[in-house]
């Protein structure tokens, strides 16, 4: 998996691509999340439009991000899931736990 991040308008934007299978860089993503929470960022948009595949470890990474933000009173949005990832979210019922959006502007609303 490859990832990048930026803070824009007080929101952490994580862009994930490739396969989210919880390898070493999953821990790096969690570290970025923890750091931004310490700086008062309470909204996270995870752009998953370029994710091809997520396994159970990858789901664990997403749930860890969600838990960290919600424990601080924040929220996590999954943005633009691909068709295969959207199916996984439905099958695992994670679409009921995460807020799924198609654009950053939906988060502002």
C-alpha atoms as a PDB file:
ATOM      1  CA  UNK A   1       0.000   0.000   0.000  1.00  0.00           C
ATOM      2  CA  UNK A   2       1.076   3.544  -0.678  1.00  0.00           C
ATOM      3  CA  UNK A   3      -0.267   6.508   1.231  1.00  0.00           C
ATOM      4  CA  UNK A   4       0.038  10.244   1.573  1.00  0.00           C
ATOM      5  CA  UNK A   5      -1.484  12.737   3.961  1.00  0.00           C
ATOM      6  CA  UNK A   6      -2.146  16.424   4.317  1.00  0.00           C
ATOM      7  CA  UNK A   7      -4.058  18.665   6.668  1.00  0.00           C
ATOM      8  CA  UNK A   8      -6.452  20.922   4.811  1.00  0.00           C
ATOM      9  CA  UNK A   9      -8.945  23.280   6.483  1.00  0.00           C
ATOM     10  CA  UNK A  10      -8.376  21.534   9.806  1.00  0.00           C
ATOM     11  CA  UNK A  11      -9.092  18.084   8.368  1.00  0.00           C
ATOM     12  CA  UNK A  12      -6.644  15.213   7.992  1.00  0.00           C
ATOM     13  CA  UNK A  13      -6.838  13.807   4.489  1.00  0.00           C
ATOM     14  CA  UNK A  14      -5.303  10.363   4.060  1.00  0.00           C
ATOM     15  CA  UNK A  15      -4.972   9.028   0.524  1.00  0.00           C
ATOM     16  CA  UNK A  16      -4.514   5.259   0.363  1.00  0.00           C
ATOM     17  CA  UNK A  17      -3.744   3.301  -2.790  1.00  0.00           C
ATOM     18  CA  UNK A  18      -2.943  -0.291  -3.684  1.00  0.00           C
ATOM     19  CA  UNK A  19      -3.823  -3.068  -1.230  1.00  0.00           C
ATOM     20  CA  UNK A  20      -4.639  -2.289   2.414  1.00  0.00           C
ATOM     21  CA  UNK A  21      -3.435  -5.462   4.062  1.00  0.00           C
ATOM     22  CA  UNK A  22      -2.119  -4.070   7.345  1.00  0.00           C
ATOM     23  CA  UNK A  23       1.582  -4.386   6.566  1.00  0.00           C
ATOM     24  CA  UNK A  24       4.186  -2.173   8.221  1.00  0.00           C
ATOM     25  CA  UNK A  25       2.878   1.069   6.767  1.00  0.00           C
ATOM     26  CA  UNK A  26      -0.475   0.489   8.502  1.00  0.00           C
ATOM     27  CA  UNK A  27       1.367   1.364  11.716  1.00  0.00           C
ATOM     28  CA  UNK A  28       2.763   4.486  10.027  1.00  0.00           C
ATOM     29  CA  UNK A  29      -0.759   5.618   9.134  1.00  0.00           C
ATOM     30  CA  UNK A  30      -1.893   5.095  12.749  1.00  0.00           C
ATOM     31  CA  UNK A  31       1.095   7.128  13.954  1.00  0.00           C
ATOM     32  CA  UNK A  32       0.130  10.030  11.645  1.00  0.00           C
ATOM     33  CA  UNK A  33      -3.455   9.843  12.951  1.00  0.00           C
ATOM     34  CA  UNK A  34      -2.311   9.921  16.588  1.00  0.00           C
ATOM     35  CA  UNK A  35      -0.001  12.866  15.886  1.00  0.00           C
ATOM     36  CA  UNK A  36      -2.737  14.896  14.194  1.00  0.00           C
ATOM     37  CA  UNK A  37      -5.201  14.151  17.011  1.00  0.00           C
ATOM     38  CA  UNK A  38      -2.650  15.550  19.471  1.00  0.00           C
ATOM     39  CA  UNK A  39      -2.655  18.727  17.374  1.00  0.00           C
ATOM     40  CA  UNK A  40      -6.428  19.058  17.649  1.00  0.00           C
ATOM     41  CA  UNK A  41      -7.487  17.667  14.262  1.00  0.00           C
ATOM     42  CA  UNK A  42     -10.882  15.987  14.783  1.00  0.00           C
ATOM     43  CA  UNK A  43     -11.958  15.158  11.233  1.00  0.00           C
ATOM     44  CA  UNK A  44     -10.345  12.582   8.980  1.00  0.00           C
ATOM     45  CA  UNK A  45     -11.169  11.927   5.340  1.00  0.00           C
ATOM     46  CA  UNK A  46      -9.713   8.652   4.074  1.00  0.00           C
ATOM     47  CA  UNK A  47      -9.604   8.705   0.273  1.00  0.00           C
ATOM     48  CA  UNK A  48      -9.899   5.038  -0.685  1.00  0.00           C
ATOM     49  CA  UNK A  49     -10.696   5.599  -4.357  1.00  0.00           C
ATOM     50  CA  UNK A  50      -7.443   3.914  -5.401  1.00  0.00           C
ATOM     51  CA  UNK A  51      -7.612   0.948  -3.023  1.00  0.00           C
ATOM     52  CA  UNK A  52      -7.911  -2.337  -4.906  1.00  0.00           C
ATOM     53  CA  UNK A  53      -8.235  -4.689  -1.964  1.00  0.00           C
ATOM     54  CA  UNK A  54      -8.653  -4.697   1.819  1.00  0.00           C
ATOM     55  CA  UNK A  55      -8.095  -7.759   4.014  1.00  0.00           C
ATOM     56  CA  UNK A  56      -9.037  -8.245   7.673  1.00  0.00           C
ATOM     57  CA  UNK A  57      -5.825  -6.557   8.874  1.00  0.00           C
ATOM     58  CA  UNK A  58      -6.592  -3.582   6.642  1.00  0.00           C
ATOM     59  CA  UNK A  59     -10.102  -3.397   8.086  1.00  0.00           C
ATOM     60  CA  UNK A  60      -8.426  -3.360  11.499  1.00  0.00           C
ATOM     61  CA  UNK A  61      -6.374  -0.323  10.466  1.00  0.00           C
ATOM     62  CA  UNK A  62      -9.536   1.538   9.381  1.00  0.00           C
ATOM     63  CA  UNK A  63     -11.360   0.624  12.603  1.00  0.00           C
ATOM     64  CA  UNK A  64      -8.370   1.764  14.674  1.00  0.00           C
ATOM     65  CA  UNK A  65      -8.436   5.137  12.897  1.00  0.00           C
ATOM     66  CA  UNK A  66     -12.190   5.427  13.504  1.00  0.00           C
ATOM     67  CA  UNK A  67     -11.856   4.492  17.183  1.00  0.00           C
ATOM     68  CA  UNK A  68      -9.079   7.007  17.787  1.00  0.00           C
ATOM     69  CA  UNK A  69     -11.068   9.863  16.221  1.00  0.00           C
ATOM     70  CA  UNK A  70     -14.368   8.989  17.895  1.00  0.00           C
ATOM     71  CA  UNK A  71     -12.682   8.664  21.295  1.00  0.00           C
ATOM     72  CA  UNK A  72     -11.655  12.317  20.892  1.00  0.00           C
ATOM     73  CA  UNK A  73     -15.120  13.391  19.693  1.00  0.00           C
ATOM     74  CA  UNK A  74     -14.101  13.392  16.036  1.00  0.00           C
ATOM     75  CA  UNK A  75     -15.293  11.619  12.898  1.00  0.00           C
ATOM     76  CA  UNK A  76     -13.855   9.608  10.007  1.00  0.00           C
ATOM     77  CA  UNK A  77     -15.196   9.631   6.462  1.00  0.00           C
ATOM     78  CA  UNK A  78     -14.332   7.073   3.791  1.00  0.00           C
ATOM     79  CA  UNK A  79     -14.263   8.806   0.421  1.00  0.00           C
ATOM     80  CA  UNK A  80     -14.968   7.336  -3.022  1.00  0.00           C
ATOM     81  CA  UNK A  81     -14.651   3.586  -2.410  1.00  0.00           C
ATOM     82  CA  UNK A  82     -14.111   1.544  -5.560  1.00  0.00           C
ATOM     83  CA  UNK A  83     -16.847  -0.895  -6.510  1.00  0.00           C
ATOM     84  CA  UNK A  84     -15.013  -3.885  -5.007  1.00  0.00           C
ATOM     85  CA  UNK A  85     -14.217  -2.034  -1.769  1.00  0.00           C
ATOM     86  CA  UNK A  86     -17.813  -0.773  -1.559  1.00  0.00           C
ATOM     87  CA  UNK A  87     -19.030  -4.386  -1.802  1.00  0.00           C
ATOM     88  CA  UNK A  88     -16.686  -5.343   1.042  1.00  0.00           C
ATOM     89  CA  UNK A  89     -18.022  -2.475   3.171  1.00  0.00           C
ATOM     90  CA  UNK A  90     -21.576  -3.704   2.595  1.00  0.00           C
ATOM     91  CA  UNK A  91     -20.791  -7.397   3.215  1.00  0.00           C
ATOM     92  CA  UNK A  92     -18.961  -6.608   6.467  1.00  0.00           C
ATOM     93  CA  UNK A  93     -21.612  -4.018   7.413  1.00  0.00           C
ATOM     94  CA  UNK A  94     -18.854  -1.434   7.853  1.00  0.00           C
ATOM     95  CA  UNK A  95     -20.917   0.931   5.703  1.00  0.00           C
ATOM     96  CA  UNK A  96     -23.186   1.250   8.767  1.00  0.00           C
ATOM     97  CA  UNK A  97     -20.238   2.211  10.998  1.00  0.00           C
ATOM     98  CA  UNK A  98     -18.295   4.528   8.687  1.00  0.00           C
ATOM     99  CA  UNK A  99     -19.683   7.546   6.927  1.00  0.00           C
ATOM    100  CA  UNK A 100     -19.089   6.998   3.210  1.00  0.00           C
ATOM    101  CA  UNK A 101     -18.908  10.107   0.998  1.00  0.00           C
ATOM    102  CA  UNK A 102     -18.136  10.777  -2.641  1.00  0.00           C
ATOM    103  CA  UNK A 103     -16.343  14.123  -2.219  1.00  0.00           C
ATOM    104  CA  UNK A 104     -14.689  16.396   0.331  1.00  0.00           C
ATOM    105  CA  UNK A 105     -17.536  18.875  -0.037  1.00  0.00           C
ATOM    106  CA  UNK A 106     -19.964  16.322   1.443  1.00  0.00           C
ATOM    107  CA  UNK A 107     -17.926  16.369   4.642  1.00  0.00           C
ATOM    108  CA  UNK A 108     -18.279  20.143   4.957  1.00  0.00           C
ATOM    109  CA  UNK A 109     -22.064  19.796   4.888  1.00  0.00           C
END
